[in-house]
PDB file of N, CA and C in Angstrom:
ATOM      1  N   MET A   1       0.782  -1.185   0.066  1.00  0.00           N
ATOM      2  CA  MET A   1      -0.019  -0.036   0.121  1.00  0.00           C
ATOM      3  C   MET A   1       0.875   1.158   0.043  1.00  0.00           C
ATOM      4  N   LYS A   2       1.817   1.258   0.801  1.00  0.00           N
ATOM      5  CA  LYS A   2       2.848   2.441   0.905  1.00  0.00           C
ATOM      6  C   LYS A   2       3.544   2.688  -0.405  1.00  0.00           C
ATOM      7  N   LYS A   3       3.920   1.631  -1.186  1.00  0.00           N
ATOM      8  CA  LYS A   3       4.612   1.875  -2.415  1.00  0.00           C
ATOM      9  C   LYS A   3       3.826   2.407  -3.419  1.00  0.00           C
ATOM     10  N   LEU A   4       2.456   1.797  -3.383  1.00  0.00           N
ATOM     11  CA  LEU A   4       1.547   2.529  -4.369  1.00  0.00           C
ATOM     12  C   LEU A   4       1.208   3.947  -4.167  1.00  0.00           C
ATOM     13  N   MET A   5       1.068   4.278  -2.761  1.00  0.00           N
ATOM     14  CA  MET A   5       0.828   5.582  -2.464  1.00  0.00           C
ATOM     15  C   MET A   5       2.008   6.605  -2.918  1.00  0.00           C
ATOM     16  N   LEU A   6       3.213   6.074  -2.644  1.00  0.00           N
ATOM     17  CA  LEU A   6       4.298   6.908  -2.998  1.00  0.00           C
ATOM     18  C   LEU A   6       4.368   7.037  -4.512  1.00  0.00           C
ATOM     19  N   THR A   7       4.088   5.931  -5.220  1.00  0.00           N
ATOM     20  CA  THR A   7       4.190   5.913  -6.748  1.00  0.00           C
ATOM     21  C   THR A   7       2.970   6.964  -7.322  1.00  0.00           C
ATOM     22  N   ALA A   8       1.889   6.907  -6.620  1.00  0.00           N
ATOM     23  CA  ALA A   8       0.802   7.721  -7.085  1.00  0.00           C
ATOM     24  C   ALA A   8       1.190   9.287  -6.828  1.00  0.00           C
ATOM     25  N   GLY A   9       1.893   9.470  -5.674  1.00  0.00           N
ATOM     26  CA  GLY A   9       2.307  10.955  -5.484  1.00  0.00           C
ATOM     27  C   GLY A   9       3.300  11.342  -6.478  1.00  0.00           C
ATOM     28  N   ALA A  10       4.232  10.545  -6.707  1.00  0.00           N
ATOM     29  CA  ALA A  10       5.202  10.786  -7.604  1.00  0.00           C
ATOM     30  C   ALA A  10       4.581  11.061  -9.169  1.00  0.00           C
ATOM     31  N   LEU A  11       3.711  10.185  -9.500  1.00  0.00           N
ATOM     32  CA  LEU A  11       3.018  10.410 -10.725  1.00  0.00           C
ATOM     33  C   LEU A  11       2.193  11.786 -10.647  1.00  0.00           C
ATOM     34  N   GLY A  12       1.635  12.146  -9.617  1.00  0.00           N
ATOM     35  CA  GLY A  12       0.984  13.339  -9.474  1.00  0.00           C
ATOM     36  C   GLY A  12       1.933  14.407  -9.708  1.00  0.00           C
ATOM     37  N   ALA A  13       3.081  14.461  -9.057  1.00  0.00           N
ATOM     38  CA  ALA A  13       4.056  15.424  -9.247  1.00  0.00           C
ATOM     39  C   ALA A  13       4.548  15.635 -10.680  1.00  0.00           C
ATOM     40  N   LEU A  14       4.817  14.407 -11.362  1.00  0.00           N
ATOM     41  CA  LEU A  14       5.311  14.395 -12.685  1.00  0.00           C
ATOM     42  C   LEU A  14       4.260  14.818 -13.567  1.00  0.00           C
ATOM     43  N   GLY A  15       2.902  14.568 -13.218  1.00  0.00           N
ATOM     44  CA  GLY A  15       1.874  15.125 -14.158  1.00  0.00           C
ATOM     45  C   GLY A  15       1.757  16.649 -14.067  1.00  0.00           C
ATOM     46  N   VAL A  16       2.060  17.141 -12.835  1.00  0.00           N
ATOM     47  CA  VAL A  16       1.835  18.670 -12.784  1.00  0.00           C
ATOM     48  C   VAL A  16       3.104  19.123 -13.579  1.00  0.00           C
ATOM     49  N   ALA A  17       4.209  18.590 -13.472  1.00  0.00           N
ATOM     50  CA  ALA A  17       5.409  19.261 -14.190  1.00  0.00           C
ATOM     51  C   ALA A  17       5.221  19.013 -15.734  1.00  0.00           C
ATOM     52  N   ALA A  18       4.592  17.863 -16.155  1.00  0.00           N
ATOM     53  CA  ALA A  18       4.235  17.708 -17.657  1.00  0.00           C
ATOM     54  C   ALA A  18       3.286  18.735 -18.091  1.00  0.00           C
ATOM     55  N   SER A  19       2.210  18.901 -17.253  1.00  0.00           N
ATOM     56  CA  SER A  19       1.160  20.064 -17.604  1.00  0.00           C
ATOM     57  C   SER A  19       1.835  21.374 -17.754  1.00  0.00           C
ATOM     58  N   ALA A  20       2.800  21.724 -16.841  1.00  0.00           N
ATOM     59  CA  ALA A  20       3.612  22.936 -16.814  1.00  0.00           C
ATOM     60  C   ALA A  20       4.408  23.128 -18.055  1.00  0.00           C
ATOM     61  N   LEU A  21       4.974  22.046 -18.382  1.00  0.00           N
ATOM     62  CA  LEU A  21       5.970  21.979 -19.578  1.00  0.00           C
ATOM     63  C   LEU A  21       4.983  22.219 -20.817  1.00  0.00           C
ATOM     64  N   GLY A  22       3.814  21.544 -20.852  1.00  0.00           N
ATOM     65  CA  GLY A  22       3.123  21.798 -21.908  1.00  0.00           C
ATOM     66  C   GLY A  22       2.506  23.255 -22.113  1.00  0.00           C
ATOM     67  N   ALA A  23       2.146  23.848 -21.038  1.00  0.00           N
ATOM     68  CA  ALA A  23       1.559  25.095 -21.068  1.00  0.00           C
ATOM     69  C   ALA A  23       2.569  26.184 -21.285  1.00  0.00           C
ATOM     70  N   HIS A  24       3.953  25.963 -20.821  1.00  0.00           N
ATOM     71  CA  HIS A  24       4.921  26.874 -21.040  1.00  0.00           C
ATOM     72  C   HIS A  24       6.123  26.729 -21.814  1.00  0.00           C
ATOM     73  N   GLY A  25       6.521  25.534 -21.911  1.00  0.00           N
ATOM     74  CA  GLY A  25       7.797  25.075 -22.418  1.00  0.00           C
ATOM     75  C   GLY A  25       7.746  24.712 -23.921  1.00  0.00           C
ATOM     76  N   LEU A  26       6.569  24.391 -24.414  1.00  0.00           N
ATOM     77  CA  LEU A  26       6.396  23.714 -25.720  1.00  0.00           C
ATOM     78  C   LEU A  26       5.655  24.453 -26.728  1.00  0.00           C
ATOM     79  N   LYS A  27       5.545  25.811 -26.417  1.00  0.00           N
ATOM     80  CA  LYS A  27       4.830  26.775 -27.265  1.00  0.00           C
ATOM     81  C   LYS A  27       5.379  26.657 -28.830  1.00  0.00           C
ATOM     82  N   GLU A  28       6.649  26.599 -29.077  1.00  0.00           N
ATOM     83  CA  GLU A  28       7.085  26.605 -30.423  1.00  0.00           C
ATOM     84  C   GLU A  28       6.732  25.281 -31.056  1.00  0.00           C
ATOM     85  N   THR A  29       6.768  24.168 -30.138  1.00  0.00           N
ATOM     86  CA  THR A  29       6.424  22.855 -30.902  1.00  0.00           C
ATOM     87  C   THR A  29       4.847  22.787 -31.348  1.00  0.00           C
ATOM     88  N   PHE A  30       4.137  23.419 -30.435  1.00  0.00           N
ATOM     89  CA  PHE A  30       2.670  23.380 -30.646  1.00  0.00           C
ATOM     90  C   PHE A  30       2.289  24.481 -31.775  1.00  0.00           C
ATOM     91  N   GLU A  31       2.986  25.313 -31.885  1.00  0.00           N
ATOM     92  CA  GLU A  31       2.808  26.429 -32.979  1.00  0.00           C
ATOM     93  C   GLU A  31       3.139  25.732 -34.404  1.00  0.00           C
ATOM     94  N   ALA A  32       4.029  24.903 -34.330  1.00  0.00           N
ATOM     95  CA  ALA A  32       4.544  24.385 -35.567  1.00  0.00           C
ATOM     96  C   ALA A  32       3.658  23.182 -35.928  1.00  0.00           C
ATOM     97  N   GLU A  33       3.082  22.409 -34.894  1.00  0.00           N
ATOM     98  CA  GLU A  33       2.299  21.190 -35.111  1.00  0.00           C
ATOM     99  C   GLU A  33       1.098  21.300 -34.060  1.00  0.00           C
ATOM    100  N   PRO A  34       0.110  22.067 -34.483  1.00  0.00           N
ATOM    101  CA  PRO A  34      -1.055  22.209 -33.546  1.00  0.00           C
ATOM    102  C   PRO A  34      -1.627  20.910 -33.095  1.00  0.00           C
ATOM    103  N   ALA A  35      -1.495  19.838 -33.820  1.00  0.00           N
ATOM    104  CA  ALA A  35      -2.228  18.584 -33.468  1.00  0.00           C
ATOM    105  C   ALA A  35      -1.584  17.994 -32.342  1.00  0.00           C
ATOM    106  N   LYS A  36      -0.328  18.402 -32.159  1.00  0.00           N
ATOM    107  CA  LYS A  36       0.363  17.889 -30.863  1.00  0.00           C
ATOM    108  C   LYS A  36      -0.143  18.485 -29.597  1.00  0.00           C
ATOM    109  N   ARG A  37      -0.548  19.575 -29.587  1.00  0.00           N
ATOM    110  CA  ARG A  37      -1.071  20.411 -28.434  1.00  0.00           C
ATOM    111  C   ARG A  37      -2.318  19.608 -27.775  1.00  0.00           C
ATOM    112  N   ALA A  38      -3.203  19.174 -28.667  1.00  0.00           N
ATOM    113  CA  ALA A  38      -4.498  18.436 -28.056  1.00  0.00           C
ATOM    114  C   ALA A  38      -3.994  17.141 -27.526  1.00  0.00           C
ATOM    115  N   ALA A  39      -3.220  16.365 -28.172  1.00  0.00           N
ATOM    116  CA  ALA A  39      -2.770  15.067 -27.771  1.00  0.00           C
ATOM    117  C   ALA A  39      -1.908  15.236 -26.406  1.00  0.00           C
ATOM    118  N   TYR A  40      -1.077  16.209 -26.448  1.00  0.00           N
ATOM    119  CA  TYR A  40      -0.322  16.415 -25.036  1.00  0.00           C
ATOM    120  C   TYR A  40      -1.143  16.766 -24.030  1.00  0.00           C
ATOM    121  N   ALA A  41      -2.200  17.576 -24.269  1.00  0.00           N
ATOM    122  CA  ALA A  41      -3.145  18.155 -23.160  1.00  0.00           C
ATOM    123  C   ALA A  41      -3.890  16.888 -22.842  1.00  0.00           C
ATOM    124  N   ASN A  42      -4.336  16.007 -23.667  1.00  0.00           N
ATOM    125  CA  ASN A  42      -5.096  14.802 -23.268  1.00  0.00           C
ATOM    126  C   ASN A  42      -4.212  13.844 -22.333  1.00  0.00           C
ATOM    127  N   ALA A  43      -2.944  13.694 -22.749  1.00  0.00           N
ATOM    128  CA  ALA A  43      -2.061  12.877 -22.112  1.00  0.00           C
ATOM    129  C   ALA A  43      -1.789  13.376 -20.614  1.00  0.00           C
ATOM    130  N   ALA A  44      -1.687  14.688 -20.528  1.00  0.00           N
ATOM    131  CA  ALA A  44      -1.407  15.237 -19.197  1.00  0.00           C
ATOM    132  C   ALA A  44      -2.672  15.193 -18.309  1.00  0.00           C
ATOM    133  N   ASP A  45      -3.808  15.376 -18.918  1.00  0.00           N
ATOM    134  CA  ASP A  45      -5.062  15.253 -18.222  1.00  0.00           C
ATOM    135  C   ASP A  45      -5.392  13.835 -17.702  1.00  0.00           C
ATOM    136  N   GLN A  46      -4.958  12.782 -18.564  1.00  0.00           N
ATOM    137  CA  GLN A  46      -5.150  11.379 -18.156  1.00  0.00           C
ATOM    138  C   GLN A  46      -4.055  10.963 -17.187  1.00  0.00           C
ATOM    139  N   HIS A  47      -2.941  11.521 -17.389  1.00  0.00           N
ATOM    140  CA  HIS A  47      -1.837  11.298 -16.353  1.00  0.00           C
ATOM    141  C   HIS A  47      -2.255  11.738 -14.943  1.00  0.00           C
ATOM    142  N   LEU A  48      -2.848  12.950 -14.883  1.00  0.00           N
ATOM    143  CA  LEU A  48      -3.204  13.497 -13.538  1.00  0.00           C
ATOM    144  C   LEU A  48      -4.395  12.713 -12.864  1.00  0.00           C
ATOM    145  N   LEU A  49      -5.379  12.446 -13.661  1.00  0.00           N
ATOM    146  CA  LEU A  49      -6.604  11.616 -13.313  1.00  0.00           C
ATOM    147  C   LEU A  49      -6.081  10.224 -12.799  1.00  0.00           C
ATOM    148  N   HIS A  50      -5.268   9.590 -13.538  1.00  0.00           N
ATOM    149  CA  HIS A  50      -4.810   8.304 -13.011  1.00  0.00           C
ATOM    150  C   HIS A  50      -3.961   8.268 -11.786  1.00  0.00           C
ATOM    151  N   ALA A  51      -3.238   9.336 -11.694  1.00  0.00           N
ATOM    152  CA  ALA A  51      -2.535   9.464 -10.334  1.00  0.00           C
ATOM    153  C   ALA A  51      -3.427   9.648  -9.248  1.00  0.00           C
ATOM    154  N   VAL A  52      -4.561  10.359  -9.393  1.00  0.00           N
ATOM    155  CA  VAL A  52      -5.579  10.561  -8.261  1.00  0.00           C
ATOM    156  C   VAL A  52      -6.214   9.214  -8.033  1.00  0.00           C
ATOM    157  N   VAL A  53      -6.748   8.468  -9.062  1.00  0.00           N
ATOM    158  CA  VAL A  53      -7.345   7.201  -8.861  1.00  0.00           C
ATOM    159  C   VAL A  53      -6.462   6.235  -8.182  1.00  0.00           C
ATOM    160  N   SER A  54      -5.100   6.207  -8.636  1.00  0.00           N
ATOM    161  CA  SER A  54      -3.993   5.315  -8.041  1.00  0.00           C
ATOM    162  C   SER A  54      -3.997   5.541  -6.510  1.00  0.00           C
ATOM    163  N   LEU A  55      -4.014   6.861  -6.137  1.00  0.00           N
ATOM    164  CA  LEU A  55      -3.993   7.133  -4.664  1.00  0.00           C
ATOM    165  C   LEU A  55      -5.261   6.720  -3.968  1.00  0.00           C
ATOM    166  N   VAL A  56      -6.402   6.914  -4.712  1.00  0.00           N
ATOM    167  CA  VAL A  56      -7.559   6.438  -4.028  1.00  0.00           C
ATOM    168  C   VAL A  56      -7.554   4.826  -3.863  1.00  0.00           C
ATOM    169  N   LEU A  57      -7.149   4.171  -4.868  1.00  0.00           N
ATOM    170  CA  LEU A  57      -7.114   2.756  -4.729  1.00  0.00           C
ATOM    171  C   LEU A  57      -6.138   2.312  -3.623  1.00  0.00           C
ATOM    172  N   ALA A  58      -4.942   2.859  -3.519  1.00  0.00           N
ATOM    173  CA  ALA A  58      -3.969   2.657  -2.506  1.00  0.00           C
ATOM    174  C   ALA A  58      -4.662   2.844  -1.021  1.00  0.00           C
ATOM    175  N   ALA A  59      -5.398   3.885  -1.000  1.00  0.00           N
ATOM    176  CA  ALA A  59      -6.035   4.257   0.450  1.00  0.00           C
ATOM    177  C   ALA A  59      -7.159   3.227   0.560  1.00  0.00           C
ATOM    178  N   ALA A  60      -7.910   2.876  -0.362  1.00  0.00           N
ATOM    179  CA  ALA A  60      -8.970   1.970  -0.181  1.00  0.00           C
ATOM    180  C   ALA A  60      -8.476   0.386   0.154  1.00  0.00           C
ATOM    181  N   SER A  61      -7.338   0.207  -0.267  1.00  0.00           N
ATOM    182  CA  SER A  61      -6.729  -1.100   0.053  1.00  0.00           C
ATOM    183  C   SER A  61      -6.517  -1.296   1.437  1.00  0.00           C
ATOM    184  N   GLY A  62      -6.347  -0.254   2.361  1.00  0.00           N
ATOM    185  CA  GLY A  62      -6.271  -0.274   3.630  1.00  0.00           C
ATOM    186  C   GLY A  62      -7.470  -0.276   4.522  1.00  0.00           C
ATOM    187  N   LEU A  63      -8.636  -0.078   3.786  1.00  0.00           N
ATOM    188  CA  LEU A  63      -9.816   0.293   4.549  1.00  0.00           C
ATOM    189  C   LEU A  63     -10.672  -1.060   5.012  1.00  0.00           C
ATOM    190  N   ARG A  64     -10.359  -2.242   4.291  1.00  0.00           N
ATOM    191  CA  ARG A  64     -11.001  -3.390   4.660  1.00  0.00           C
ATOM    192  C   ARG A  64      -9.852  -4.329   4.950  1.00  0.00           C
ATOM    193  N   SER A  65     -10.227  -5.337   5.889  1.00  0.00           N
ATOM    194  CA  SER A  65      -9.230  -6.294   6.325  1.00  0.00           C
ATOM    195  C   SER A  65      -9.202  -7.447   5.467  1.00  0.00           C
ATOM    196  N   GLU A  66     -10.115  -7.642   4.438  1.00  0.00           N
ATOM    197  CA  GLU A  66     -10.207  -8.762   3.624  1.00  0.00           C
ATOM    198  C   GLU A  66      -8.933  -8.645   2.714  1.00  0.00           C
ATOM    199  N   ALA A  67      -8.268  -9.787   2.607  1.00  0.00           N
ATOM    200  CA  ALA A  67      -7.066  -9.802   1.837  1.00  0.00           C
ATOM    201  C   ALA A  67      -7.217  -9.820   0.370  1.00  0.00           C
ATOM    202  N   ASN A  68      -8.458 -10.350  -0.069  1.00  0.00           N
ATOM    203  CA  ASN A  68      -8.816 -10.237  -1.435  1.00  0.00           C
ATOM    204  C   ASN A  68      -9.201  -8.931  -1.994  1.00  0.00           C
ATOM    205  N   PHE A  69      -9.791  -8.167  -1.131  1.00  0.00           N
ATOM    206  CA  PHE A  69     -10.227  -6.734  -1.525  1.00  0.00           C
ATOM    207  C   PHE A  69      -9.043  -5.851  -1.698  1.00  0.00           C
ATOM    208  N   SER A  70      -8.152  -6.051  -0.766  1.00  0.00           N
ATOM    209  CA  SER A  70      -6.841  -5.242  -0.748  1.00  0.00           C
ATOM    210  C   SER A  70      -5.929  -5.638  -1.901  1.00  0.00           C
ATOM    211  N   SER A  71      -5.801  -6.822  -2.118  1.00  0.00           N
ATOM    212  CA  SER A  71      -4.852  -7.271  -3.220  1.00  0.00           C
ATOM    213  C   SER A  71      -5.440  -6.795  -4.603  1.00  0.00           C
ATOM    214  N   ARG A  72      -6.740  -6.774  -4.640  1.00  0.00           N
ATOM    215  CA  ARG A  72      -7.510  -6.306  -5.874  1.00  0.00           C
ATOM    216  C   ARG A  72      -7.328  -4.770  -6.057  1.00  0.00           C
ATOM    217  N   CYS A  73      -7.484  -4.100  -4.988  1.00  0.00           N
ATOM    218  CA  CYS A  73      -7.262  -2.566  -5.114  1.00  0.00           C
ATOM    219  C   CYS A  73      -5.673  -2.331  -5.479  1.00  0.00           C
ATOM    220  N   LEU A  74      -4.808  -2.983  -4.877  1.00  0.00           N
ATOM    221  CA  LEU A  74      -3.440  -2.650  -5.176  1.00  0.00           C
ATOM    222  C   LEU A  74      -3.021  -3.099  -6.644  1.00  0.00           C
ATOM    223  N   GLN A  75      -3.701  -4.143  -7.160  1.00  0.00           N
ATOM    224  CA  GLN A  75      -3.505  -4.593  -8.536  1.00  0.00           C
ATOM    225  C   GLN A  75      -4.086  -3.548  -9.482  1.00  0.00           C
ATOM    226  N   ALA A  76      -5.244  -3.074  -9.085  1.00  0.00           N
ATOM    227  CA  ALA A  76      -5.869  -2.142 -10.095  1.00  0.00           C
ATOM    228  C   ALA A  76      -5.018  -0.783 -10.026  1.00  0.00           C
ATOM    229  N   GLY A  77      -4.459  -0.450  -8.976  1.00  0.00           N
ATOM    230  CA  GLY A  77      -3.504   0.737  -8.780  1.00  0.00           C
ATOM    231  C   GLY A  77      -2.439   0.557  -9.618  1.00  0.00           C
ATOM    232  N   ARG A  78      -1.788  -0.615  -9.505  1.00  0.00           N
ATOM    233  CA  ARG A  78      -0.603  -0.802 -10.334  1.00  0.00           C
ATOM    234  C   ARG A  78      -0.965  -0.799 -11.994  1.00  0.00           C
ATOM    235  N   THR A  79      -2.057  -1.320 -12.176  1.00  0.00           N
ATOM    236  CA  THR A  79      -2.437  -1.400 -13.718  1.00  0.00           C
ATOM    237  C   THR A  79      -2.777   0.076 -14.035  1.00  0.00           C
ATOM    238  N   MET A  80      -3.122   1.015 -13.104  1.00  0.00           N
ATOM    239  CA  MET A  80      -3.422   2.435 -13.533  1.00  0.00           C
ATOM    240  C   MET A  80      -1.959   3.078 -13.803  1.00  0.00           C
ATOM    241  N   VAL A  81      -1.066   2.699 -13.035  1.00  0.00           N
ATOM    242  CA  VAL A  81       0.399   3.261 -13.085  1.00  0.00           C
ATOM    243  C   VAL A  81       0.904   2.852 -14.597  1.00  0.00           C
ATOM    244  N   ALA A  82       0.694   1.628 -14.717  1.00  0.00           N
ATOM    245  CA  ALA A  82       1.282   1.136 -15.997  1.00  0.00           C
ATOM    246  C   ALA A  82       0.503   1.757 -17.272  1.00  0.00           C
ATOM    247  N   GLY A  83      -0.731   2.137 -16.992  1.00  0.00           N
ATOM    248  CA  GLY A  83      -1.582   2.929 -18.103  1.00  0.00           C
ATOM    249  C   GLY A  83      -0.926   4.141 -18.279  1.00  0.00           C
ATOM    250  N   VAL A  84      -0.532   4.832 -17.252  1.00  0.00           N
ATOM    251  CA  VAL A  84       0.091   6.148 -17.324  1.00  0.00           C
ATOM    252  C   VAL A  84       1.346   6.177 -18.266  1.00  0.00           C
ATOM    253  N   LEU A  85       2.144   5.132 -17.736  1.00  0.00           N
ATOM    254  CA  LEU A  85       3.539   5.001 -18.408  1.00  0.00           C
ATOM    255  C   LEU A  85       3.421   4.662 -19.973  1.00  0.00           C
ATOM    256  N   LEU A  86       2.327   3.796 -20.189  1.00  0.00           N
ATOM    257  CA  LEU A  86       2.228   3.479 -21.585  1.00  0.00           C
ATOM    258  C   LEU A  86       1.400   4.513 -22.434  1.00  0.00           C
ATOM    259  N   PHE A  87       0.294   5.040 -22.063  1.00  0.00           N
ATOM    260  CA  PHE A  87      -0.413   5.937 -22.744  1.00  0.00           C
ATOM    261  C   PHE A  87       0.275   7.287 -22.742  1.00  0.00           C
ATOM    262  N   SER A  88       0.337   7.947 -21.631  1.00  0.00           N
ATOM    263  CA  SER A  88       0.746   9.210 -21.372  1.00  0.00           C
ATOM    264  C   SER A  88       2.365   9.342 -21.819  1.00  0.00           C
ATOM    265  N   GLY A  89       3.083   8.282 -21.435  1.00  0.00           N
ATOM    266  CA  GLY A  89       4.505   8.234 -21.794  1.00  0.00           C
ATOM    267  C   GLY A  89       4.754   8.098 -23.351  1.00  0.00           C
ATOM    268  N   SER A  90       3.943   7.465 -24.066  1.00  0.00           N
ATOM    269  CA  SER A  90       4.079   7.360 -25.366  1.00  0.00           C
ATOM    270  C   SER A  90       3.759   8.639 -26.096  1.00  0.00           C
ATOM    271  N   ILE A  91       2.711   9.323 -25.760  1.00  0.00           N
ATOM    272  CA  ILE A  91       2.441  10.587 -26.295  1.00  0.00           C
ATOM    273  C   ILE A  91       3.517  11.675 -25.960  1.00  0.00           C
ATOM    274  N   TYR A  92       3.995  11.784 -24.653  1.00  0.00           N
ATOM    275  CA  TYR A  92       5.065  12.678 -24.327  1.00  0.00           C
ATOM    276  C   TYR A  92       6.323  12.406 -25.340  1.00  0.00           C
ATOM    277  N   LEU A  93       6.598  11.228 -25.505  1.00  0.00           N
ATOM    278  CA  LEU A  93       7.759  10.872 -26.346  1.00  0.00           C
ATOM    279  C   LEU A  93       7.616  11.377 -27.784  1.00  0.00           C
ATOM    280  N   TRP A  94       6.275  11.154 -28.259  1.00  0.00           N
ATOM    281  CA  TRP A  94       6.131  11.677 -29.588  1.00  0.00           C
ATOM    282  C   TRP A  94       6.085  13.057 -29.725  1.00  0.00           C
ATOM    283  N   VAL A  95       5.547  13.773 -28.819  1.00  0.00           N
ATOM    284  CA  VAL A  95       5.488  15.273 -28.945  1.00  0.00           C
ATOM    285  C   VAL A  95       6.903  15.840 -28.638  1.00  0.00           C
ATOM    286  N   LEU A  96       7.771  15.220 -27.996  1.00  0.00           N
ATOM    287  CA  LEU A  96       9.175  15.500 -27.593  1.00  0.00           C
ATOM    288  C   LEU A  96      10.030  15.295 -28.669  1.00  0.00           C
ATOM    289  N   GLY A  97       9.657  14.484 -29.776  1.00  0.00           N
ATOM    290  CA  GLY A  97      10.677  14.000 -30.811  1.00  0.00           C
ATOM    291  C   GLY A  97      11.090  12.769 -30.719  1.00  0.00           C
ATOM    292  N   GLY A  98      10.530  11.872 -29.830  1.00  0.00           N
ATOM    293  CA  GLY A  98      11.039  10.521 -29.740  1.00  0.00           C
ATOM    294  C   GLY A  98      10.531   9.746 -30.858  1.00  0.00           C
ATOM    295  N   PRO A  99      10.677   8.322 -30.757  1.00  0.00           N
ATOM    296  CA  PRO A  99      10.501   7.413 -31.880  1.00  0.00           C
ATOM    297  C   PRO A  99       9.064   7.655 -32.362  1.00  0.00           C
ATOM    298  N   LYS A 100       8.951   7.421 -33.619  1.00  0.00           N
ATOM    299  CA  LYS A 100       7.525   7.575 -34.183  1.00  0.00           C
ATOM    300  C   LYS A 100       7.168   6.052 -34.607  1.00  0.00           C
ATOM    301  N   TRP A 101       5.893   5.576 -34.024  1.00  0.00           N
ATOM    302  CA  TRP A 101       5.410   4.330 -34.396  1.00  0.00           C
ATOM    303  C   TRP A 101       4.322   4.349 -35.395  1.00  0.00           C
TER     304      TRP A 101
END
């Protein structure tokens, strides 16, 4: 539970940093390619939303003493973290000039 809470907190902090980068640091990129602005904004929104849901799942895992409930909450939280890395991460890489798939 503690690891997922720390991970969710780190995801939230990185999501805020990614949002700030998109709002202030990538103006030239977005002016040259406007389609990337919407994709990046969506990735940042999803990133922050998944960080909050991961935190809620980590907290919920400690609410009930049933091992099955706790393990399912933690697994769902880990899946949310993986989703952020795959979805938002791939869009961040694309916008920042990473590999093109």
